[in-house]
C-alpha atoms as a PDB file:
ATOM      1  CA  MET A   1       0.242 -27.935 -11.693  1.00  0.00           C
ATOM      2  CA  LYS A   2      -3.360 -27.333 -12.765  1.00  0.00           C
ATOM      3  CA  LYS A   3      -3.736 -30.968 -13.819  1.00  0.00           C
ATOM      4  CA  LYS A   4      -2.168 -32.217 -10.594  1.00  0.00           C
ATOM      5  CA  TYR A   5      -4.273 -29.972  -8.315  1.00  0.00           C
ATOM      6  CA  PRO A   6      -7.411 -29.110 -10.350  1.00  0.00           C
ATOM      7  CA  GLY A   7      -9.321 -27.825  -7.333  1.00  0.00           C
ATOM      8  CA  THR A   8      -6.510 -25.535  -6.197  1.00  0.00           C
ATOM      9  CA  PHE A   9      -4.884 -23.978  -9.274  1.00  0.00           C
ATOM     10  CA  ARG A  10      -6.514 -22.213 -12.202  1.00  0.00           C
ATOM     11  CA  LEU A  11      -4.701 -21.183 -15.381  1.00  0.00           C
ATOM     12  CA  ILE A  12      -5.694 -17.732 -16.640  1.00  0.00           C
ATOM     13  CA  SER A  13      -4.133 -16.614 -19.922  1.00  0.00           C
ATOM     14  CA  GLN A  14      -4.165 -12.918 -20.859  1.00  0.00           C
ATOM     15  CA  LYS A  15      -2.029 -10.314 -22.582  1.00  0.00           C
ATOM     16  CA  ASN A  16       0.404  -8.423 -20.381  1.00  0.00           C
ATOM     17  CA  ALA A  17      -1.344  -5.169 -19.481  1.00  0.00           C
ATOM     18  CA  GLY A  18       0.524  -4.184 -16.329  1.00  0.00           C
ATOM     19  CA  PRO A  19       0.776  -5.389 -12.711  1.00  0.00           C
ATOM     20  CA  GLY A  20      -2.658  -4.089 -11.788  1.00  0.00           C
ATOM     21  CA  SER A  21      -4.340  -6.068 -14.548  1.00  0.00           C
ATOM     22  CA  THR A  22      -3.036  -9.311 -13.068  1.00  0.00           C
ATOM     23  CA  VAL A  23      -4.619  -8.570  -9.696  1.00  0.00           C
ATOM     24  CA  ASN A  24      -7.834  -7.374 -11.343  1.00  0.00           C
ATOM     25  CA  SER A  25      -8.076 -10.662 -13.213  1.00  0.00           C
ATOM     26  CA  GLY A  26      -7.326 -12.587 -10.028  1.00  0.00           C
ATOM     27  CA  ILE A  27     -10.122 -10.809  -8.163  1.00  0.00           C
ATOM     28  CA  LYS A  28     -12.527 -11.429 -11.034  1.00  0.00           C
ATOM     29  CA  HIS A  29     -11.828 -15.167 -11.180  1.00  0.00           C
ATOM     30  CA  ALA A  30     -11.340 -15.802  -7.448  1.00  0.00           C
ATOM     31  CA  THR A  31     -13.659 -18.375  -5.902  1.00  0.00           C
ATOM     32  CA  GLY A  32     -12.112 -18.795  -2.460  1.00  0.00           C
ATOM     33  CA  LYS A  33     -13.249 -17.259   0.787  1.00  0.00           C
ATOM     34  CA  TYR A  34     -10.147 -15.050   1.043  1.00  0.00           C
ATOM     35  CA  PHE A  35      -7.859 -13.301  -1.452  1.00  0.00           C
ATOM     36  CA  ARG A  36      -4.320 -12.006  -1.207  1.00  0.00           C
ATOM     37  CA  MET A  37      -1.542 -10.768  -3.478  1.00  0.00           C
ATOM     38  CA  VAL A  38       1.922 -12.320  -3.788  1.00  0.00           C
ATOM     39  CA  ASP A  39       4.418 -10.483  -5.997  1.00  0.00           C
ATOM     40  CA  GLY A  40       6.498 -12.487  -8.455  1.00  0.00           C
ATOM     41  CA  ASP A  41       9.731 -11.714  -6.554  1.00  0.00           C
ATOM     42  CA  ASP A  42       8.327 -12.982  -3.255  1.00  0.00           C
ATOM     43  CA  TRP A  43       6.995 -16.193  -1.735  1.00  0.00           C
ATOM     44  CA  VAL A  44       5.015 -17.511   1.213  1.00  0.00           C
ATOM     45  CA  ASN A  45       6.208 -19.261   4.346  1.00  0.00           C
ATOM     46  CA  THR A  46       4.770 -22.739   3.788  1.00  0.00           C
ATOM     47  CA  ALA A  47       5.881 -23.888   7.258  1.00  0.00           C
ATOM     48  CA  GLN A  48       3.236 -21.661   8.867  1.00  0.00           C
ATOM     49  CA  MET A  49       0.673 -21.740   6.076  1.00  0.00           C
ATOM     50  CA  GLY A  50      -1.318 -24.638   7.539  1.00  0.00           C
ATOM     51  CA  ALA A  51      -1.942 -22.817  10.804  1.00  0.00           C
ATOM     52  CA  PHE A  52      -2.803 -19.636   8.903  1.00  0.00           C
ATOM     53  CA  LEU A  53      -5.333 -21.487   6.729  1.00  0.00           C
ATOM     54  CA  ASP A  54      -6.929 -22.878   9.882  1.00  0.00           C
ATOM     55  CA  ILE A  55      -7.538 -19.310  11.026  1.00  0.00           C
ATOM     56  CA  LEU A  56      -8.995 -18.356   7.640  1.00  0.00           C
ATOM     57  CA  GLU A  57     -11.446 -21.241   7.947  1.00  0.00           C
ATOM     58  CA  LYS A  58     -12.572 -20.136  11.404  1.00  0.00           C
ATOM     59  CA  THR A  59     -12.798 -16.385  10.886  1.00  0.00           C
ATOM     60  CA  ASN A  60     -15.314 -14.318   8.941  1.00  0.00           C
ATOM     61  CA  ALA A  61     -13.400 -11.063   9.299  1.00  0.00           C
ATOM     62  CA  ASP A  62     -13.296  -8.679   6.359  1.00  0.00           C
ATOM     63  CA  MET A  63      -9.525  -8.319   6.733  1.00  0.00           C
ATOM     64  CA  VAL A  64      -6.890 -10.658   8.187  1.00  0.00           C
ATOM     65  CA  CYS A  65      -3.484  -9.245   9.183  1.00  0.00           C
ATOM     66  CA  ALA A  66      -0.248 -11.126   9.845  1.00  0.00           C
ATOM     67  CA  ASP A  67       3.408 -10.158  10.117  1.00  0.00           C
ATOM     68  CA  HIS A  68       5.798 -10.564   7.181  1.00  0.00           C
ATOM     69  CA  CYS A  69       9.510 -11.187   6.831  1.00  0.00           C
ATOM     70  CA  CYS A  70      11.965  -9.151   4.761  1.00  0.00           C
ATOM     71  CA  VAL A  71      14.644 -11.271   3.074  1.00  0.00           C
ATOM     72  CA  ASP A  72      17.721  -9.505   1.713  1.00  0.00           C
ATOM     73  CA  HIS A  73      18.320 -10.663  -1.859  1.00  0.00           C
ATOM     74  CA  GLU A  74      22.091 -10.165  -1.557  1.00  0.00           C
ATOM     75  CA  THR A  75      22.825 -11.574   1.894  1.00  0.00           C
ATOM     76  CA  GLY A  76      19.842 -13.811   2.621  1.00  0.00           C
ATOM     77  CA  GLN A  77      19.444 -12.077   5.979  1.00  0.00           C
ATOM     78  CA  LYS A  78      15.900 -12.226   7.340  1.00  0.00           C
ATOM     79  CA  LYS A  79      14.153  -9.580   9.393  1.00  0.00           C
ATOM     80  CA  LYS A  80      10.646  -9.999  10.743  1.00  0.00           C
ATOM     81  CA  GLU A  81       8.501  -6.912  10.236  1.00  0.00           C
ATOM     82  CA  GLU A  82       5.824  -6.526  12.877  1.00  0.00           C
ATOM     83  CA  LYS A  83       3.332  -4.414  11.013  1.00  0.00           C
ATOM     84  CA  THR A  84       0.622  -4.931  13.576  1.00  0.00           C
ATOM     85  CA  ASN A  85       0.789  -3.623  17.114  1.00  0.00           C
ATOM     86  CA  VAL A  86      -2.245  -5.674  18.042  1.00  0.00           C
ATOM     87  CA  ALA A  87      -2.198  -8.997  19.899  1.00  0.00           C
ATOM     88  CA  PRO A  88      -3.634 -11.975  17.974  1.00  0.00           C
ATOM     89  CA  CYS A  89      -7.417 -11.737  17.998  1.00  0.00           C
ATOM     90  CA  MET A  90     -10.464 -12.946  16.097  1.00  0.00           C
ATOM     91  CA  ASP A  91     -13.147 -10.852  14.408  1.00  0.00           C
ATOM     92  CA  VAL A  92     -12.733  -7.576  16.298  1.00  0.00           C
ATOM     93  CA  PRO A  93     -14.193  -4.264  15.066  1.00  0.00           C
ATOM     94  CA  PHE A  94     -11.827  -2.463  12.692  1.00  0.00           C
ATOM     95  CA  SER A  95     -12.507   0.806  14.508  1.00  0.00           C
ATOM     96  CA  SER A  96     -11.239  -0.679  17.782  1.00  0.00           C
ATOM     97  CA  VAL A  97      -7.769  -1.570  16.464  1.00  0.00           C
ATOM     98  CA  CYS A  98      -7.114   0.546  13.365  1.00  0.00           C
ATOM     99  CA  ASN A  99      -5.101   3.124  15.315  1.00  0.00           C
ATOM    100  CA  GLN A 100      -2.641   0.350  16.195  1.00  0.00           C
ATOM    101  CA  LEU A 101      -2.488  -1.196  12.725  1.00  0.00           C
ATOM    102  CA  THR A 102       0.367  -0.379  10.379  1.00  0.00           C
ATOM    103  CA  VAL A 103      -0.558  -2.332   7.287  1.00  0.00           C
ATOM    104  CA  ALA A 104       1.116  -3.088   3.967  1.00  0.00           C
ATOM    105  CA  MET A 105       0.284  -5.289   1.012  1.00  0.00           C
ATOM    106  CA  HIS A 106       2.600  -7.934   2.489  1.00  0.00           C
ATOM    107  CA  ASN A 107       0.523  -8.531   5.587  1.00  0.00           C
ATOM    108  CA  VAL A 108      -3.097  -8.116   4.518  1.00  0.00           C
ATOM    109  CA  THR A 109      -5.595 -10.716   3.315  1.00  0.00           C
ATOM    110  CA  TYR A 110      -9.096  -9.593   2.310  1.00  0.00           C
ATOM    111  CA  ARG A 111     -12.320 -11.527   2.197  1.00  0.00           C
ATOM    112  CA  THR A 112     -12.940 -12.086  -1.495  1.00  0.00           C
ATOM    113  CA  ASP A 113     -16.497 -10.791  -1.536  1.00  0.00           C
ATOM    114  CA  ILE A 114     -15.311  -7.467  -0.086  1.00  0.00           C
ATOM    115  CA  LEU A 115     -13.249  -6.994  -3.252  1.00  0.00           C
ATOM    116  CA  GLN A 116     -15.785  -8.370  -5.708  1.00  0.00           C
ATOM    117  CA  LYS A 117     -18.998  -6.803  -4.403  1.00  0.00           C
ATOM    118  CA  ASN A 118     -17.400  -3.352  -4.158  1.00  0.00           C
ATOM    119  CA  ASN A 119     -15.764  -3.502  -7.598  1.00  0.00           C
ATOM    120  CA  ILE A 120     -12.213  -3.021  -6.333  1.00  0.00           C
ATOM    121  CA  HIS A 121     -10.216  -2.287  -9.482  1.00  0.00           C
ATOM    122  CA  LEU A 122      -6.536  -1.333  -9.691  1.00  0.00           C
ATOM    123  CA  ASP A 123      -4.704   0.792 -12.236  1.00  0.00           C
ATOM    124  CA  ASN A 124      -2.495  -1.067 -14.707  1.00  0.00           C
ATOM    125  CA  CYS A 125       0.833   0.256 -13.473  1.00  0.00           C
ATOM    126  CA  PHE A 126       3.371  -0.008 -10.662  1.00  0.00           C
ATOM    127  CA  TYR A 127       2.506   0.985  -7.072  1.00  0.00           C
ATOM    128  CA  THR A 128      -1.028  -0.386  -7.285  1.00  0.00           C
ATOM    129  CA  ASP A 129      -0.338  -2.422  -4.146  1.00  0.00           C
ATOM    130  CA  ALA A 130      -1.310   0.794  -2.335  1.00  0.00           C
ATOM    131  CA  GLU A 131      -4.648   0.750  -4.148  1.00  0.00           C
ATOM    132  CA  TYR A 132      -5.155  -2.911  -3.279  1.00  0.00           C
ATOM    133  CA  LEU A 133      -4.457  -2.061   0.339  1.00  0.00           C
ATOM    134  CA  LEU A 134      -6.608   1.073   0.710  1.00  0.00           C
ATOM    135  CA  TYR A 135      -9.546   0.864  -1.699  1.00  0.00           C
ATOM    136  CA  PRO A 136     -11.280  -1.865   0.358  1.00  0.00           C
ATOM    137  CA  ILE A 137     -10.796  -0.124   3.737  1.00  0.00           C
ATOM    138  CA  PRO A 138     -14.139   1.781   3.734  1.00  0.00           C
ATOM    139  CA  TYR A 139     -15.900  -1.590   3.549  1.00  0.00           C
ATOM    140  CA  VAL A 140     -13.872  -3.288   6.293  1.00  0.00           C
ATOM    141  CA  LYS A 141     -15.845  -3.649   9.500  1.00  0.00           C
ATOM    142  CA  THR A 142     -13.979  -6.500  11.233  1.00  0.00           C
ATOM    143  CA  VAL A 143     -10.366  -7.647  11.524  1.00  0.00           C
ATOM    144  CA  THR A 144      -8.610 -10.813  12.598  1.00  0.00           C
ATOM    145  CA  VAL A 145      -4.925 -10.608  13.577  1.00  0.00           C
ATOM    146  CA  ALA A 146      -3.070 -13.884  13.036  1.00  0.00           C
ATOM    147  CA  PRO A 147       0.167 -14.781  14.886  1.00  0.00           C
ATOM    148  CA  GLN A 148       1.857 -16.365  11.851  1.00  0.00           C
ATOM    149  CA  THR A 149       4.505 -14.786   9.619  1.00  0.00           C
ATOM    150  CA  ILE A 150       3.320 -15.669   6.117  1.00  0.00           C
ATOM    151  CA  TYR A 151       4.734 -13.314   3.506  1.00  0.00           C
ATOM    152  CA  MET A 152       8.424 -13.452   2.574  1.00  0.00           C
ATOM    153  CA  TYR A 153       9.287 -10.083   1.021  1.00  0.00           C
ATOM    154  CA  ARG A 154      12.476  -9.982  -1.055  1.00  0.00           C
ATOM    155  CA  VAL A 155      14.389  -6.685  -0.673  1.00  0.00           C
ATOM    156  CA  SER A 156      17.603  -5.118  -2.073  1.00  0.00           C
ATOM    157  CA  LEU A 157      16.674  -5.915  -5.672  1.00  0.00           C
ATOM    158  CA  SER A 158      17.808  -3.236  -8.123  1.00  0.00           C
ATOM    159  CA  THR A 159      14.732  -3.951 -10.253  1.00  0.00           C
ATOM    160  CA  GLN A 160      12.222  -3.327  -7.457  1.00  0.00           C
ATOM    161  CA  SER A 161       9.642  -0.604  -8.020  1.00  0.00           C
ATOM    162  CA  MET A 162      10.635   1.028  -4.704  1.00  0.00           C
ATOM    163  CA  ASN A 163      14.280   1.329  -5.764  1.00  0.00           C
ATOM    164  CA  ILE A 164      15.169   5.028  -6.063  1.00  0.00           C
ATOM    165  CA  ASN A 165      16.065   4.760  -9.761  1.00  0.00           C
ATOM    166  CA  SER A 166      12.809   2.960 -10.478  1.00  0.00           C
ATOM    167  CA  LEU A 167      10.863   5.559  -8.492  1.00  0.00           C
ATOM    168  CA  GLN A 168      12.364   8.319 -10.626  1.00  0.00           C
ATOM    169  CA  ARG A 169      11.640   6.482 -13.894  1.00  0.00           C
ATOM    170  CA  ASN A 170       8.087   5.704 -12.872  1.00  0.00           C
ATOM    171  CA  CYS A 171       7.250   8.979 -11.148  1.00  0.00           C
ATOM    172  CA  ALA A 172       4.139   9.463 -13.314  1.00  0.00           C
ATOM    173  CA  MET A 173       2.773   6.087 -12.210  1.00  0.00           C
ATOM    174  CA  HIS A 174       3.242   6.958  -8.550  1.00  0.00           C
ATOM    175  CA  GLU A 175       1.522  10.311  -9.177  1.00  0.00           C
ATOM    176  CA  LEU A 176      -1.391   8.508 -10.830  1.00  0.00           C
ATOM    177  CA  VAL A 177      -1.902   6.151  -7.906  1.00  0.00           C
ATOM    178  CA  LEU A 178      -1.661   8.981  -5.358  1.00  0.00           C
ATOM    179  CA  GLY A 179      -4.189  10.997  -7.328  1.00  0.00           C
ATOM    180  CA  HIS A 180      -6.688   8.151  -7.501  1.00  0.00           C
ATOM    181  CA  LEU A 181      -6.302   7.351  -3.813  1.00  0.00           C
ATOM    182  CA  SER A 182      -6.882  11.020  -2.965  1.00  0.00           C
ATOM    183  CA  ASP A 183     -10.008  10.984  -5.127  1.00  0.00           C
ATOM    184  CA  ALA A 184     -11.260   7.850  -3.380  1.00  0.00           C
ATOM    185  CA  TYR A 185     -10.644   9.405   0.033  1.00  0.00           C
ATOM    186  CA  ALA A 186     -12.486  12.605  -0.896  1.00  0.00           C
ATOM    187  CA  ALA A 187     -15.435  10.548  -2.163  1.00  0.00           C
ATOM    188  CA  TYR A 188     -15.517   8.547   1.082  1.00  0.00           C
ATOM    189  CA  GLU A 189     -15.222  11.664   3.230  1.00  0.00           C
ATOM    190  CA  ASN A 190     -18.146  13.287   1.391  1.00  0.00           C
ATOM    191  CA  SER A 191     -20.285  10.152   1.219  1.00  0.00           C
ATOM    192  CA  GLY A 192     -22.214  10.898   4.386  1.00  0.00           C
ATOM    193  CA  THR A 193     -21.446   7.406   5.656  1.00  0.00           C
ATOM    194  CA  SER A 194     -17.759   7.804   6.555  1.00  0.00           C
ATOM    195  CA  GLU A 195     -16.574   6.481   9.907  1.00  0.00           C
ATOM    196  CA  PRO A 196     -14.153   8.867  11.703  1.00  0.00           C
ATOM    197  CA  LYS A 197     -11.526   6.269  12.648  1.00  0.00           C
ATOM    198  CA  THR A 198     -11.612   4.686   9.205  1.00  0.00           C
ATOM    199  CA  ALA A 199     -11.232   8.105   7.599  1.00  0.00           C
ATOM    200  CA  ALA A 200      -8.263   8.859   9.866  1.00  0.00           C
ATOM    201  CA  PHE A 201      -6.681   5.517   8.952  1.00  0.00           C
ATOM    202  CA  LEU A 202      -7.012   6.336   5.247  1.00  0.00           C
ATOM    203  CA  ARG A 203      -5.584   9.829   5.732  1.00  0.00           C
ATOM    204  CA  ARG A 204      -2.509   8.510   7.530  1.00  0.00           C
ATOM    205  CA  ASN A 205      -1.747   6.002   4.809  1.00  0.00           C
ATOM    206  CA  ILE A 206      -2.395   8.334   1.890  1.00  0.00           C
ATOM    207  CA  ALA A 207      -0.243  10.989   3.559  1.00  0.00           C
ATOM    208  CA  ARG A 208       2.557   8.410   3.786  1.00  0.00           C
ATOM    209  CA  ILE A 209       2.258   7.787   0.046  1.00  0.00           C
ATOM    210  CA  ALA A 210       2.262  11.540  -0.582  1.00  0.00           C
ATOM    211  CA  GLY A 211       5.456  11.692   1.475  1.00  0.00           C
ATOM    212  CA  MET A 212       7.040   9.169  -0.872  1.00  0.00           C
ATOM    213  CA  GLN A 213       5.911  11.269  -3.835  1.00  0.00           C
ATOM    214  CA  LEU A 214       7.563  14.300  -2.261  1.00  0.00           C
ATOM    215  CA  PHE A 215      10.741  12.254  -1.796  1.00  0.00           C
ATOM    216  CA  ILE A 216      10.680  11.453  -5.529  1.00  0.00           C
ATOM    217  CA  TYR A 217      10.428  15.167  -6.326  1.00  0.00           C
ATOM    218  CA  LEU A 218      13.136  16.142  -3.853  1.00  0.00           C
ATOM    219  CA  THR A 219      15.618  13.663  -5.352  1.00  0.00           C
ATOM    220  CA  ALA A 220      14.817  14.468  -9.002  1.00  0.00           C
ATOM    221  CA  THR A 221      17.561  15.722 -11.296  1.00  0.00           C
ATOM    222  CA  ASP A 222      15.547  18.694 -12.522  1.00  0.00           C
ATOM    223  CA  SER A 223      14.840  20.424  -9.213  1.00  0.00           C
ATOM    224  CA  LYS A 224      13.065  23.386 -10.807  1.00  0.00           C
ATOM    225  CA  ALA A 225      10.472  21.220 -12.559  1.00  0.00           C
ATOM    226  CA  ALA A 226      10.176  18.969  -9.503  1.00  0.00           C
ATOM    227  CA  LYS A 227       9.432  21.962  -7.294  1.00  0.00           C
ATOM    228  CA  GLN A 228       6.536  22.957  -9.521  1.00  0.00           C
ATOM    229  CA  SER A 229       5.248  19.381  -9.510  1.00  0.00           C
ATOM    230  CA  ALA A 230       5.411  19.277  -5.720  1.00  0.00           C
ATOM    231  CA  LYS A 231       3.494  22.550  -5.442  1.00  0.00           C
ATOM    232  CA  ALA A 232       0.876  21.245  -7.847  1.00  0.00           C
ATOM    233  CA  MET A 233       0.530  18.011  -5.863  1.00  0.00           C
ATOM    234  CA  VAL A 234      -0.104  19.840  -2.600  1.00  0.00           C
ATOM    235  CA  LYS A 235      -2.499  22.306  -4.220  1.00  0.00           C
ATOM    236  CA  THR A 236      -4.473  19.469  -5.826  1.00  0.00           C
ATOM    237  CA  ILE A 237      -4.760  17.530  -2.571  1.00  0.00           C
ATOM    238  CA  LYS A 238      -5.872  20.644  -0.707  1.00  0.00           C
ATOM    239  CA  GLY A 239      -8.548  21.206  -3.332  1.00  0.00           C
ATOM    240  CA  LYS A 240      -9.830  17.658  -2.876  1.00  0.00           C
ATOM    241  CA  SER A 241      -9.814  17.509   0.922  1.00  0.00           C
ATOM    242  CA  GLU A 242      -8.822  19.983   3.605  1.00  0.00           C
ATOM    243  CA  THR A 243      -8.512  17.174   6.167  1.00  0.00           C
ATOM    244  CA  LEU A 244      -6.102  15.257   3.935  1.00  0.00           C
ATOM    245  CA  TYR A 245      -4.108  18.442   3.374  1.00  0.00           C
ATOM    246  CA  THR A 246      -3.940  18.976   7.141  1.00  0.00           C
ATOM    247  CA  GLU A 247      -2.656  15.417   7.526  1.00  0.00           C
ATOM    248  CA  LEU A 248       0.136  16.136   5.040  1.00  0.00           C
ATOM    249  CA  ASN A 249       1.147  19.230   6.967  1.00  0.00           C
ATOM    250  CA  GLY A 250       1.598  17.102  10.038  1.00  0.00           C
ATOM    251  CA  ALA A 251       4.867  15.966   8.444  1.00  0.00           C
ATOM    252  CA  LYS A 252       7.807  18.285   9.023  1.00  0.00           C
ATOM    253  CA  SER A 253       8.944  18.358   5.387  1.00  0.00           C
ATOM    254  CA  PHE A 254       5.508  19.335   4.069  1.00  0.00           C
ATOM    255  CA  LYS A 255       5.086  21.970   6.778  1.00  0.00           C
ATOM    256  CA  MET A 256       8.454  23.525   5.956  1.00  0.00           C
ATOM    257  CA  LEU A 257       7.488  23.779   2.297  1.00  0.00           C
ATOM    258  CA  THR A 258       3.909  25.005   2.623  1.00  0.00           C
ATOM    259  CA  SER A 259       4.758  27.561   5.309  1.00  0.00           C
ATOM    260  CA  THR A 260       7.463  29.108   3.080  1.00  0.00           C
ATOM    261  CA  ASN A 261       5.616  28.831  -0.244  1.00  0.00           C
ATOM    262  CA  PHE A 262       8.168  26.164  -1.222  1.00  0.00           C
ATOM    263  CA  LEU A 263      11.151  28.510  -0.899  1.00  0.00           C
ATOM    264  CA  LEU A 264      12.929  25.807   1.111  1.00  0.00           C
ATOM    265  CA  PHE A 265      12.514  23.205  -1.648  1.00  0.00           C
ATOM    266  CA  PRO A 266      16.135  23.517  -2.893  1.00  0.00           C
ATOM    267  CA  VAL A 267      17.440  23.134   0.667  1.00  0.00           C
ATOM    268  CA  LEU A 268      15.397  20.001   1.345  1.00  0.00           C
ATOM    269  CA  ALA A 269      16.272  18.631  -2.089  1.00  0.00           C
ATOM    270  CA  SER A 270      19.971  19.036  -1.401  1.00  0.00           C
ATOM    271  CA  MET A 271      19.613  17.275   1.956  1.00  0.00           C
ATOM    272  CA  LYS A 272      17.675  14.336   0.481  1.00  0.00           C
ATOM    273  CA  LYS A 273      20.120  13.894  -2.379  1.00  0.00           C
ATOM    274  CA  ARG A 274      23.021  13.770   0.076  1.00  0.00           C
ATOM    275  CA  GLU A 275      21.158  11.147   2.116  1.00  0.00           C
ATOM    276  CA  VAL A 276      20.536   9.026  -0.977  1.00  0.00           C
ATOM    277  CA  GLY A 277      24.202   9.357  -1.988  1.00  0.00           C
ATOM    278  CA  ALA A 278      25.398   8.410   1.482  1.00  0.00           C
ATOM    279  CA  ASN A 279      23.185   5.305   1.483  1.00  0.00           C
ATOM    280  CA  GLY A 280      24.490   4.152  -1.861  1.00  0.00           C
END
């Protein structure tokens, strides 16, 4: 492929050091105007790629958002995921639309120099797509929303990192990513240059990731140890940022736990385990 399209493909050979290392290497070697991730299980919608590339040529936005499509690995059923609640637009201020943006790795493309100039670097583990998504946000000033559906996200794979069994096996990796994102948020909040709407956007998304971490604890086999881990997580986040802690407590499950000093942890754990069992 490299020989056939020498100006398009580059072969980079390196030892396997984890999913994050692949993206880090890609950012380091990228020469194009824009950069985006595509997981090995997924693919892009080539039918709409031409129109999407036309937009990338015309825009200078720091971030470009587009919808993605979930494709069930077992049934082949497709479901479009509209992650943006913003009409197609070109180069609008991030602060003007961020309250309506629900972003994921599958629908975000960043300008390459945003990643390179700000030394965006991911951990070498699972769940670093959250780092790829959120680390650049403090540097994003403008957004373009494209009407195309580009990313085809394969779901219902037993080997996926978001599968419940995988989440339990890789709990420490998820903890690591959450911890580093919380650190990055605290640094941004205390930088003296934080923008209120950008900070709120980061809080919402990090709180969502913390909610997933709580779900991992609630569905763990060893509930006693998981309870202590959950308490430690909340205490650590509160120590880093009161505003981030307040965001967590906006979720019912966190509020129930913090207001009762985690006495309701066994009750919530039992409920979550029944839900997981009922959903197969």
